[in-house]
Amino acid sequence: MYRLLNRRRRTVAALVAAVVSGSVLATVPASAAIGGPGLGDPYFPDDGNSGYDVSHYDVRISYDPAHTDRLDGDTTVTARALTRLDRFSLDLKGFTVASVKVNGAPAKAFSRSGAHELVITPARPVAKGSTFEVRVEYAGRPDPEGWHTLETGGANVSGEPHSATSWYPSNDHPSDKATFALTATVPDDWTAIGNGLPGPESVKDGRRTFRWFEDRPMATYLSTVAIDRFTVHRGRTAAGTPVITAYSPDAVIDAEAEAQQTEILDFLAAKFGPYPFSSAGAIVVGASKEPNDGPLALETQSRPTYGSMLFDASMVHENTHQWFGDSVSFKDWRDGCVAECFAQYAGQLWEEHKGADLDQDYYRSEVEEYRNDPSFWSVKLYDPGPGKELDGALYFKGSLMLHALRRTVGDEAFFRTLRTWTRDHAYGNASFRQFEALAAKVSGKDLKGFFAAWVDGTVIPPRKYLYPGTLGTPAR
């Protein structure tokens, strides 16, 4: 996620939990076998469910921008049971749930619990190891934490750490990634854009249905739909990847910036390895009806979402996430550096590509600026603490750390580490602790002191870790 952050105010405001409406429809004996109500994330312990592993989402929605308080949804979740399930839960905020079926049979009962739990009791227990389907039909007003209405009358989905629960039931945690199909029906003069590649469109009774499919596993917060009277441009990267870029009516269409988008993708592929997805591009939305509603940009998988216009710093950041954060996702929310440290440093690599001297123009000047700012150095890059999972230190301090690592191990080992990381963990989840081990293995160096100072330290690193290699050369 890319934001224009005040460099003296880095902490992202805590998200406020919304209260989910809905009455309890049934109770289940406490002795019933259930998936754990949460996947064990220490920052968001209620997110997800440990009883199953989702393989695919088939999300079907109908939305009329003239009636922005209502979305009709019909979502089927395909999963594998990791234990016997007498009951289990999905994450869904709000909505009136009309029907729940498990393997085609009406659920024995379903109820709402807490802020976002839809608790389901199947007619028959789901056997451990079996693949099962859950179909949920629902309707109502989407939750504004992830669903944003636009001044144009359209809408888009973006949000981190949460957004998926605002429009479909899911196992809402980055550790449970799944492929994703979207079918969105809107009035005929509107367009729906999603993740991945488009499928066939159809028109019936003045309404148009759009289909999108993301064939690589995706974390739920990276899924999106955007509905507007879009202008859509199509192209390809040098490697032949389709590039689909959609602009809201009030967004800026800049042909030069759009051309730079493919240049950036090709540049990043040269640094990090082949582009990991079947499509690329952008969703450029205009103003939201609510001020400060949603991030300036978010790395929605295969097609990042941007506010108002494309520009190079944001495009570099969000497209780097396609490798770091989207293809290789973090295991839990302690590990935001797996995404943000690399995406921020990629911006420096792009500046270097354009001629900047990173040692002097970037690294030394930044260190000197924040040398006497203890709040900057106090945030850990791994496990920064609840409420700090997207702290600005992951962006700025993390970027400095990576440049110092590059100067410690040398360019050949540094970029070989990045390419090995994106290859070995493609479409999966990994922790920064694994990156530390990989960097040491590839470089053949003992990096324990370096990472202890930079990643786990809460003060400015000692000089030998702060100014390694050419960084120790006096400034010109």
Protein backbone atom coordinates (compact mmCIF):
# COMPACT_ATOMS: atom_id res chain seq x y z
CA MET A 1 0.00 0.00 0.00
CA TYR A 2 1.35 3.41 -0.97
CA ARG A 3 0.41 6.55 0.90
CA LEU A 4 1.65 10.12 0.84
CA LEU A 5 2.77 9.92 4.45
CA ASN A 6 3.73 12.88 6.59
CA ARG A 7 7.27 11.85 7.34
CA ARG A 8 6.89 12.90 10.97
CA ARG A 9 3.56 11.12 11.38
CA ARG A 10 3.96 7.55 10.23
CA THR A 11 1.61 5.44 12.26
CA VAL A 12 -1.49 4.32 10.37
CA ALA A 13 -4.62 4.98 12.39
CA ALA A 14 -6.14 1.89 13.95
CA LEU A 15 -9.10 0.44 12.13
CA VAL A 16 -12.37 0.59 14.04
CA ALA A 17 -14.35 -2.64 14.19
CA ALA A 18 -17.87 -2.41 12.89
CA VAL A 19 -20.75 -4.10 14.67
CA VAL A 20 -22.37 -6.80 12.59
CA SER A 21 -26.13 -6.91 12.45
CA GLY A 22 -28.12 -10.12 12.41
CA SER A 23 -29.96 -12.20 14.96
CA VAL A 24 -28.86 -15.59 16.24
CA LEU A 25 -30.74 -18.27 14.37
CA ALA A 26 -29.54 -21.29 16.32
CA THR A 27 -27.28 -22.43 19.11
CA VAL A 28 -24.82 -25.32 18.96
CA PRO A 29 -23.62 -27.45 21.87
CA ALA A 30 -20.25 -26.34 23.17
CA SER A 31 -18.94 -29.90 22.74
CA ALA A 32 -19.33 -29.77 18.94
CA ALA A 33 -16.18 -30.19 16.84
CA ILE A 34 -15.39 -26.83 15.27
CA GLY A 35 -12.63 -25.08 13.46
CA GLY A 36 -10.87 -22.65 15.76
CA PRO A 37 -12.51 -19.19 15.72
CA GLY A 38 -9.40 -17.53 14.36
CA LEU A 39 -6.19 -18.59 12.65
CA GLY A 40 -3.96 -17.62 15.54
CA ASP A 41 -2.76 -14.24 14.30
CA PRO A 42 -1.58 -12.41 17.44
CA TYR A 43 -2.71 -9.05 16.03
CA PHE A 44 -6.12 -10.16 14.75
CA PRO A 45 -6.96 -13.31 16.75
CA ASP A 46 -10.56 -13.50 15.50
CA ASP A 47 -9.68 -13.41 11.79
CA GLY A 48 -10.17 -16.59 9.81
CA ASN A 49 -10.89 -20.14 10.93
CA SER A 50 -8.31 -22.90 11.46
CA GLY A 51 -10.65 -25.78 10.63
CA TYR A 52 -10.33 -25.66 6.85
CA ASP A 53 -8.20 -24.46 3.97
CA VAL A 54 -9.92 -22.58 1.14
CA SER A 55 -8.92 -23.45 -2.42
CA HIS A 56 -11.36 -21.31 -4.41
CA TYR A 57 -13.91 -18.49 -4.13
CA ASP A 58 -16.74 -18.11 -6.63
CA VAL A 59 -18.18 -14.67 -5.87
CA ARG A 60 -21.31 -13.54 -7.71
CA ILE A 61 -22.69 -10.09 -7.01
CA SER A 62 -25.35 -7.80 -8.41
CA TYR A 63 -25.08 -4.06 -7.80
CA ASP A 64 -26.98 -1.05 -9.08
CA PRO A 65 -25.14 2.25 -8.49
CA ALA A 66 -28.53 4.00 -8.36
CA HIS A 67 -29.20 2.07 -5.15
CA THR A 68 -25.86 2.23 -3.36
CA ASP A 69 -27.18 0.81 -0.12
CA ARG A 70 -27.72 -2.68 -1.54
CA LEU A 71 -25.55 -5.47 -2.87
CA ASP A 72 -26.94 -8.94 -3.67
CA GLY A 73 -24.38 -11.68 -3.23
CA ASP A 74 -24.14 -15.40 -3.91
CA THR A 75 -20.74 -16.81 -2.94
CA THR A 76 -19.52 -20.40 -3.01
CA VAL A 77 -16.41 -21.26 -0.99
CA THR A 78 -14.55 -24.48 -1.83
CA ALA A 79 -12.35 -25.76 0.98
CA ARG A 80 -10.68 -28.82 2.49
CA ALA A 81 -11.50 -29.76 6.06
CA LEU A 82 -8.42 -29.90 8.29
CA THR A 83 -10.41 -31.52 11.07
CA ARG A 84 -13.89 -32.94 11.51
CA LEU A 85 -16.31 -30.03 11.36
CA ASP A 86 -19.60 -30.18 13.23
CA ARG A 87 -19.66 -26.43 12.77
CA PHE A 88 -17.33 -23.76 11.41
CA SER A 89 -17.33 -20.07 10.61
CA LEU A 90 -16.76 -17.68 7.74
CA ASP A 91 -15.93 -13.98 8.07
CA LEU A 92 -18.66 -11.63 6.84
CA LYS A 93 -19.64 -8.16 8.04
CA GLY A 94 -23.25 -7.08 7.93
CA PHE A 95 -25.78 -8.25 5.32
CA THR A 96 -28.88 -10.33 5.79
CA VAL A 97 -28.03 -13.95 5.11
CA ALA A 98 -30.92 -15.65 3.31
CA SER A 99 -29.51 -19.12 2.76
CA VAL A 100 -26.51 -21.30 3.59
CA LYS A 101 -25.88 -24.66 1.95
CA VAL A 102 -23.06 -27.11 2.62
CA ASN A 103 -22.40 -29.57 -0.20
CA GLY A 104 -25.76 -28.66 -1.70
CA ALA A 105 -27.77 -29.35 1.46
CA PRO A 106 -29.34 -26.56 3.55
CA ALA A 107 -27.32 -25.92 6.69
CA LYS A 108 -28.87 -27.25 9.89
CA ALA A 109 -28.40 -23.78 11.34
CA PHE A 110 -26.43 -20.58 10.93
CA SER A 111 -25.92 -17.63 13.25
CA ARG A 112 -23.96 -14.41 13.68
CA SER A 113 -21.28 -14.01 16.33
CA GLY A 114 -18.98 -11.17 17.29
CA ALA A 115 -17.94 -8.51 14.80
CA HIS A 116 -17.77 -10.65 11.66
CA GLU A 117 -18.45 -14.34 12.29
CA LEU A 118 -21.02 -16.31 10.31
CA VAL A 119 -21.23 -19.58 12.26
CA ILE A 120 -22.51 -22.53 10.22
CA THR A 121 -23.77 -25.91 11.37
CA PRO A 122 -23.93 -28.30 8.40
CA ALA A 123 -26.71 -30.87 8.15
CA ARG A 124 -24.02 -33.54 8.42
CA PRO A 125 -20.52 -33.12 9.91
CA VAL A 126 -17.80 -32.50 7.35
CA ALA A 127 -15.22 -35.29 7.48
CA LYS A 128 -11.58 -34.47 8.09
CA GLY A 129 -9.65 -34.35 4.81
CA SER A 130 -12.72 -33.98 2.63
CA THR A 131 -13.33 -31.21 0.12
CA PHE A 132 -16.58 -29.36 0.69
CA GLU A 133 -18.51 -26.39 -0.69
CA VAL A 134 -20.34 -23.70 1.23
CA ARG A 135 -22.81 -21.52 -0.66
CA VAL A 136 -24.03 -18.32 1.03
CA GLU A 137 -26.76 -16.07 -0.38
CA TYR A 138 -26.94 -12.64 1.20
CA ALA A 139 -28.00 -9.05 0.58
CA GLY A 140 -27.68 -5.63 2.15
CA ARG A 141 -25.44 -2.62 2.42
CA PRO A 142 -21.72 -3.37 2.07
CA ASP A 143 -19.53 -2.43 5.01
CA PRO A 144 -17.67 0.87 4.34
CA GLU A 145 -14.41 -0.44 5.80
CA GLY A 146 -13.70 -2.03 2.43
CA TRP A 147 -16.51 -0.94 0.10
CA HIS A 148 -16.13 2.68 -0.99
CA THR A 149 -18.76 4.63 -2.89
CA LEU A 150 -17.48 7.14 -5.43
CA GLU A 151 -18.58 10.63 -6.40
CA THR A 152 -19.39 9.26 -9.84
CA GLY A 153 -21.96 6.93 -8.28
CA GLY A 154 -19.73 3.88 -8.69
CA ALA A 155 -17.91 1.88 -6.05
CA ASN A 156 -14.64 0.10 -5.45
CA VAL A 157 -13.15 -2.28 -2.90
CA SER A 158 -9.80 -1.64 -1.24
CA GLY A 159 -8.51 -1.90 2.27
CA GLU A 160 -5.75 -3.37 4.41
CA PRO A 161 -5.71 -5.34 6.69
CA HIS A 162 -9.41 -5.94 5.94
CA SER A 163 -11.78 -5.41 3.02
CA ALA A 164 -13.01 -8.81 1.80
CA THR A 165 -15.59 -9.23 4.58
CA SER A 166 -17.33 -6.07 3.36
CA TRP A 167 -18.62 -7.87 0.25
CA TYR A 168 -18.30 -11.66 0.47
CA PRO A 169 -17.90 -14.42 3.11
CA SER A 170 -14.33 -15.63 3.41
CA ASN A 171 -11.60 -17.10 5.55
CA ASP A 172 -10.20 -13.63 5.97
CA HIS A 173 -6.50 -14.03 6.66
CA PRO A 174 -3.49 -13.75 4.32
CA SER A 175 -2.26 -17.23 5.26
CA ASP A 176 -5.25 -18.86 3.53
CA LYS A 177 -4.86 -17.94 -0.13
CA ALA A 178 -7.17 -19.19 -2.87
CA THR A 179 -8.00 -18.75 -6.53
CA PHE A 180 -10.87 -16.40 -7.25
CA ALA A 181 -13.72 -16.05 -9.73
CA LEU A 182 -15.88 -12.93 -9.88
CA THR A 183 -19.20 -12.55 -11.68
CA ALA A 184 -20.57 -9.01 -11.36
CA THR A 185 -23.87 -7.85 -12.84
CA VAL A 186 -24.43 -4.11 -13.20
CA PRO A 187 -26.56 -1.79 -15.36
CA ASP A 188 -25.63 -2.02 -19.04
CA ASP A 189 -23.86 1.36 -19.18
CA TRP A 190 -21.54 0.51 -16.26
CA THR A 191 -18.40 -1.65 -16.15
CA ALA A 192 -17.11 -4.01 -13.45
CA ILE A 193 -13.34 -4.59 -13.17
CA GLY A 194 -11.78 -7.35 -11.07
CA ASN A 195 -8.58 -9.30 -10.50
CA GLY A 196 -6.93 -11.45 -13.13
CA LEU A 197 -8.14 -12.05 -16.67
CA PRO A 198 -11.58 -11.14 -18.04
CA GLY A 199 -14.04 -13.77 -19.18
CA PRO A 200 -17.03 -13.48 -21.51
CA GLU A 201 -19.56 -10.70 -20.98
CA SER A 202 -23.30 -11.12 -21.40
CA VAL A 203 -26.27 -8.73 -21.52
CA LYS A 204 -29.83 -9.44 -20.42
CA ASP A 205 -32.75 -7.12 -19.60
CA GLY A 206 -30.59 -4.00 -19.63
CA ARG A 207 -27.96 -5.45 -17.31
CA ARG A 208 -24.44 -6.52 -18.21
CA THR A 209 -22.55 -9.33 -16.52
CA PHE A 210 -18.75 -9.22 -16.27
CA ARG A 211 -16.55 -12.19 -15.39
CA TRP A 212 -13.02 -12.16 -14.03
CA PHE A 213 -10.77 -14.99 -12.90
CA GLU A 214 -7.56 -14.92 -10.88
CA ASP A 215 -5.88 -18.30 -11.45
CA ARG A 216 -3.14 -17.85 -8.85
CA PRO A 217 -3.78 -18.05 -5.08
CA MET A 218 -4.70 -14.67 -3.62
CA ALA A 219 -4.98 -13.31 -0.08
CA THR A 220 -8.50 -12.09 0.62
CA TYR A 221 -7.56 -8.44 1.25
CA LEU A 222 -6.07 -8.31 -2.26
CA SER A 223 -9.35 -9.21 -3.98
CA THR A 224 -11.29 -6.36 -5.54
CA VAL A 225 -14.18 -5.21 -7.66
CA ALA A 226 -14.60 -1.71 -9.07
CA ILE A 227 -17.82 -0.49 -10.70
CA ASP A 228 -17.95 2.72 -12.71
CA ARG A 229 -18.35 4.08 -16.21
CA PHE A 230 -14.75 3.18 -16.90
CA THR A 231 -12.58 4.00 -19.89
CA VAL A 232 -10.56 0.80 -20.42
CA HIS A 233 -7.18 0.66 -22.19
CA ARG A 234 -5.40 -2.57 -23.13
CA GLY A 235 -1.79 -3.34 -23.92
CA ARG A 236 1.03 -5.82 -23.19
CA THR A 237 4.38 -5.90 -21.44
CA ALA A 238 7.57 -6.80 -23.29
CA ALA A 239 7.08 -10.38 -22.05
CA GLY A 240 3.56 -10.48 -23.48
CA THR A 241 1.54 -10.14 -20.26
CA PRO A 242 -1.86 -8.49 -20.93
CA VAL A 243 -2.15 -5.05 -19.31
CA ILE A 244 -5.67 -3.78 -18.61
CA THR A 245 -6.00 -0.24 -17.24
CA ALA A 246 -9.38 1.24 -16.26
CA TYR A 247 -10.09 4.92 -15.51
CA SER A 248 -13.09 6.37 -13.69
CA PRO A 249 -14.70 9.35 -15.47
CA ASP A 250 -13.12 11.81 -13.02
CA ALA A 251 -9.67 10.17 -13.01
CA VAL A 252 -6.76 11.68 -14.92
CA ILE A 253 -5.78 9.78 -18.08
CA ASP A 254 -2.09 10.45 -18.65
CA ALA A 255 -0.79 8.60 -21.72
CA GLU A 256 2.84 9.12 -20.67
CA ALA A 257 2.24 7.68 -17.20
CA GLU A 258 0.32 4.74 -18.66
CA ALA A 259 3.20 3.97 -21.02
CA GLN A 260 5.56 4.15 -18.06
CA GLN A 261 3.48 1.47 -16.34
CA THR A 262 4.75 -1.21 -18.73
CA GLU A 263 8.29 0.19 -18.51
CA ILE A 264 8.11 -0.20 -14.73
CA LEU A 265 6.80 -3.76 -14.96
CA ASP A 266 9.64 -4.71 -17.28
CA PHE A 267 12.18 -3.01 -14.98
CA LEU A 268 10.87 -4.86 -11.92
CA ALA A 269 10.90 -8.20 -13.75
CA ALA A 270 14.57 -7.66 -14.53
CA LYS A 271 15.27 -7.12 -10.82
CA PHE A 272 12.96 -9.67 -9.18
CA GLY A 273 12.29 -12.37 -11.76
CA PRO A 274 9.39 -12.98 -14.16
CA TYR A 275 6.13 -11.16 -13.47
CA PRO A 276 4.13 -13.65 -11.37
CA PHE A 277 0.57 -13.27 -12.69
CA SER A 278 -1.40 -13.78 -15.90
CA SER A 279 -2.40 -10.12 -16.22
CA ALA A 280 -1.38 -6.67 -15.05
CA GLY A 281 -2.63 -3.10 -15.18
CA ALA A 282 -4.44 -0.65 -12.95
CA ILE A 283 -7.80 0.49 -11.63
CA VAL A 284 -7.74 4.28 -11.35
CA VAL A 285 -10.75 5.49 -9.38
CA GLY A 286 -11.86 9.05 -8.74
CA ALA A 287 -12.92 10.77 -5.57
CA SER A 288 -14.77 8.90 -2.84
CA LYS A 289 -17.92 10.35 -1.34
CA GLU A 290 -16.30 10.23 2.08
CA PRO A 291 -13.07 12.21 2.63
CA ASN A 292 -9.95 10.12 3.22
CA ASP A 293 -11.96 7.02 2.36
CA GLY A 294 -9.58 4.21 1.50
CA PRO A 295 -5.83 4.32 0.80
CA LEU A 296 -4.22 6.39 -1.93
CA ALA A 297 -3.24 3.11 -3.56
CA LEU A 298 -3.42 -0.59 -2.78
CA GLU A 299 -1.73 -3.62 -4.33
CA THR A 300 -4.91 -5.44 -5.34
CA GLN A 301 -3.57 -8.57 -7.02
CA SER A 302 -2.65 -8.32 -10.71
CA ARG A 303 -4.32 -4.91 -11.01
CA PRO A 304 -3.42 -2.33 -8.32
CA THR A 305 -5.97 0.27 -7.33
CA TYR A 306 -4.95 3.95 -7.47
CA GLY A 307 -6.67 7.15 -6.48
CA SER A 308 -7.22 9.79 -9.18
CA MET A 309 -4.14 9.22 -11.36
CA LEU A 310 -1.09 7.14 -12.16
CA PHE A 311 2.38 8.34 -11.21
CA ASP A 312 5.68 6.54 -11.18
CA ALA A 313 6.42 6.33 -7.43
CA SER A 314 3.06 4.75 -6.69
CA MET A 315 3.19 2.43 -9.71
CA VAL A 316 6.65 1.17 -8.70
CA HIS A 317 5.49 0.55 -5.14
CA GLU A 318 2.22 -1.25 -5.93
CA ASN A 319 3.64 -3.32 -8.76
CA THR A 320 6.58 -4.42 -6.61
CA HIS A 321 3.94 -5.81 -4.28
CA GLN A 322 2.92 -8.20 -7.03
CA TRP A 323 6.15 -10.05 -6.17
CA PHE A 324 6.51 -9.02 -2.52
CA GLY A 325 3.21 -9.30 -0.67
CA ASP A 326 0.94 -10.73 -3.37
CA SER A 327 2.82 -13.68 -4.85
CA VAL A 328 4.95 -14.12 -1.72
CA SER A 329 2.57 -13.17 1.07
CA PHE A 330 3.31 -12.89 4.76
CA LYS A 331 2.31 -15.59 7.21
CA ASP A 332 0.61 -13.23 9.63
CA TRP A 333 0.34 -9.52 10.31
CA ARG A 334 3.59 -9.39 12.33
CA ASP A 335 5.35 -9.75 8.99
CA GLY A 336 4.39 -6.62 7.08
CA CYS A 337 8.04 -6.06 6.19
CA VAL A 338 7.77 -9.00 3.76
CA ALA A 339 5.64 -6.66 1.68
CA GLU A 340 6.30 -3.02 2.59
CA CYS A 341 10.07 -2.99 3.11
CA PHE A 342 10.67 -4.29 -0.41
CA ALA A 343 8.00 -2.21 -2.11
CA GLN A 344 9.43 0.97 -0.59
CA TYR A 345 13.01 0.07 -1.51
CA ALA A 346 11.94 -0.62 -5.08
CA GLY A 347 11.20 3.08 -5.31
CA GLN A 348 14.86 3.75 -4.57
CA LEU A 349 15.91 1.19 -7.18
CA TRP A 350 13.77 3.04 -9.72
CA GLU A 351 15.43 6.35 -8.77
CA GLU A 352 18.82 4.70 -9.17
CA HIS A 353 17.71 3.44 -12.58
CA LYS A 354 16.97 7.08 -13.45
CA GLY A 355 20.42 8.19 -12.32
CA ALA A 356 20.30 8.81 -8.57
CA ASP A 357 23.25 8.04 -6.28
CA LEU A 358 21.49 6.02 -3.58
CA ASP A 359 24.38 6.09 -1.12
CA GLN A 360 24.53 9.86 -1.03
CA ASP A 361 21.24 11.21 -2.37
CA TYR A 362 19.09 8.74 -0.48
CA TYR A 363 20.69 6.69 2.28
CA ARG A 364 23.07 9.09 4.01
CA SER A 365 20.66 12.01 3.82
CA GLU A 366 17.82 9.93 5.29
CA VAL A 367 19.94 8.57 8.12
CA GLU A 368 21.09 12.05 9.00
CA GLU A 369 17.54 13.39 8.92
CA TYR A 370 16.27 10.77 11.37
CA ARG A 371 19.44 10.22 13.41
CA ASN A 372 18.02 12.07 16.40
CA ASP A 373 14.45 10.88 16.03
CA PRO A 374 14.10 7.93 18.45
CA SER A 375 10.50 7.25 17.37
CA PHE A 376 11.76 6.40 13.88
CA TRP A 377 14.18 3.73 15.12
CA SER A 378 11.99 2.37 17.91
CA VAL A 379 9.59 0.39 15.70
CA LYS A 380 10.67 -3.18 15.04
CA LEU A 381 10.54 -4.35 11.43
CA TYR A 382 9.34 -7.78 12.53
CA ASP A 383 6.51 -7.93 15.07
CA PRO A 384 6.15 -4.15 15.56
CA GLY A 385 3.09 -4.68 17.77
CA PRO A 386 -0.70 -4.61 17.35
CA GLY A 387 -1.84 -1.40 15.70
CA LYS A 388 1.61 -0.93 14.15
CA GLU A 389 1.34 -3.64 11.51
CA LEU A 390 1.38 -0.94 8.81
CA ASP A 391 3.54 1.56 10.65
CA GLY A 392 5.55 3.87 8.43
CA ALA A 393 8.77 2.37 9.77
CA LEU A 394 8.07 -0.66 7.61
CA TYR A 395 8.32 1.69 4.64
CA PHE A 396 11.16 4.07 5.53
CA LYS A 397 13.29 2.22 8.07
CA GLY A 398 12.72 -1.00 6.13
CA SER A 399 13.92 0.57 2.91
CA LEU A 400 17.08 1.83 4.61
CA MET A 401 17.67 -1.64 6.07
CA LEU A 402 17.54 -3.23 2.62
CA HIS A 403 20.02 -0.75 1.19
CA ALA A 404 22.36 -1.41 4.11
CA LEU A 405 21.95 -5.16 3.50
CA ARG A 406 22.79 -4.64 -0.17
CA ARG A 407 26.00 -2.81 0.78
CA THR A 408 26.81 -5.55 3.33
CA VAL A 409 26.50 -8.54 0.99
CA GLY A 410 27.17 -6.88 -2.39
CA ASP A 411 24.95 -6.45 -5.42
CA GLU A 412 25.35 -9.96 -6.84
CA ALA A 413 24.32 -11.72 -3.63
CA PHE A 414 21.61 -9.16 -2.82
CA PHE A 415 19.73 -9.42 -6.10
CA ARG A 416 20.25 -13.18 -6.28
CA THR A 417 18.62 -13.37 -2.85
CA LEU A 418 15.61 -11.38 -4.08
CA ARG A 419 15.16 -13.53 -7.18
CA THR A 420 15.57 -16.74 -5.16
CA TRP A 421 13.00 -15.52 -2.64
CA THR A 422 10.36 -14.70 -5.25
CA ARG A 423 10.98 -18.03 -7.02
CA ASP A 424 11.08 -20.36 -4.02
CA HIS A 425 8.05 -18.87 -2.24
CA ALA A 426 5.95 -17.97 -5.27
CA TYR A 427 2.18 -18.09 -4.61
CA GLY A 428 2.76 -19.01 -0.97
CA ASN A 429 3.45 -17.46 2.40
CA ALA A 430 6.76 -16.75 4.11
CA SER A 431 8.14 -14.89 7.10
CA PHE A 432 10.91 -12.31 7.22
CA ARG A 433 12.82 -14.73 9.44
CA GLN A 434 13.03 -17.00 6.38
CA PHE A 435 14.35 -14.09 4.33
CA GLU A 436 17.06 -13.49 6.92
CA ALA A 437 18.15 -17.12 6.66
CA LEU A 438 18.13 -16.99 2.86
CA ALA A 439 20.20 -13.80 2.75
CA ALA A 440 22.83 -15.41 4.99
CA LYS A 441 22.87 -18.60 2.91
CA VAL A 442 23.20 -16.85 -0.44
CA SER A 443 25.84 -14.38 0.74
CA GLY A 444 27.79 -16.83 2.89
CA LYS A 445 27.96 -14.14 5.60
CA ASP A 446 26.97 -14.16 9.25
CA LEU A 447 24.12 -11.64 9.29
CA LYS A 448 22.77 -12.29 12.80
CA GLY A 449 24.16 -9.04 14.18
CA PHE A 450 22.94 -7.05 11.19
CA PHE A 451 19.35 -8.26 11.41
CA ALA A 452 19.30 -8.05 15.20
CA ALA A 453 20.27 -4.38 14.94
CA TRP A 454 18.01 -3.42 12.04
CA VAL A 455 14.98 -5.69 12.35
CA ASP A 456 14.68 -6.34 16.07
CA GLY A 457 16.47 -3.27 17.36
CA THR A 458 14.67 -0.24 18.77
CA VAL A 459 17.54 2.25 18.51
CA ILE A 460 19.70 3.44 15.64
CA PRO A 461 21.98 0.54 14.55
CA PRO A 462 25.67 0.56 15.53
CA ARG A 463 27.97 2.21 13.02
CA LYS A 464 29.28 -1.06 11.53
CA TYR A 465 25.72 -2.00 10.53
CA LEU A 466 24.64 1.55 9.73
CA TYR A 467 27.50 2.31 7.32
CA PRO A 468 28.66 -0.96 5.73
CA GLY A 469 30.60 -1.20 2.46
CA THR A 470 30.54 1.91 0.30
CA LEU A 471 28.26 3.62 2.83
CA GLY A 472 31.33 4.00 5.02
CA THR A 473 33.07 6.04 2.34
CA PRO A 474 33.07 9.74 3.26
CA ALA A 475 30.35 11.72 1.50
CA ARG A 476 31.51 13.80 -1.42
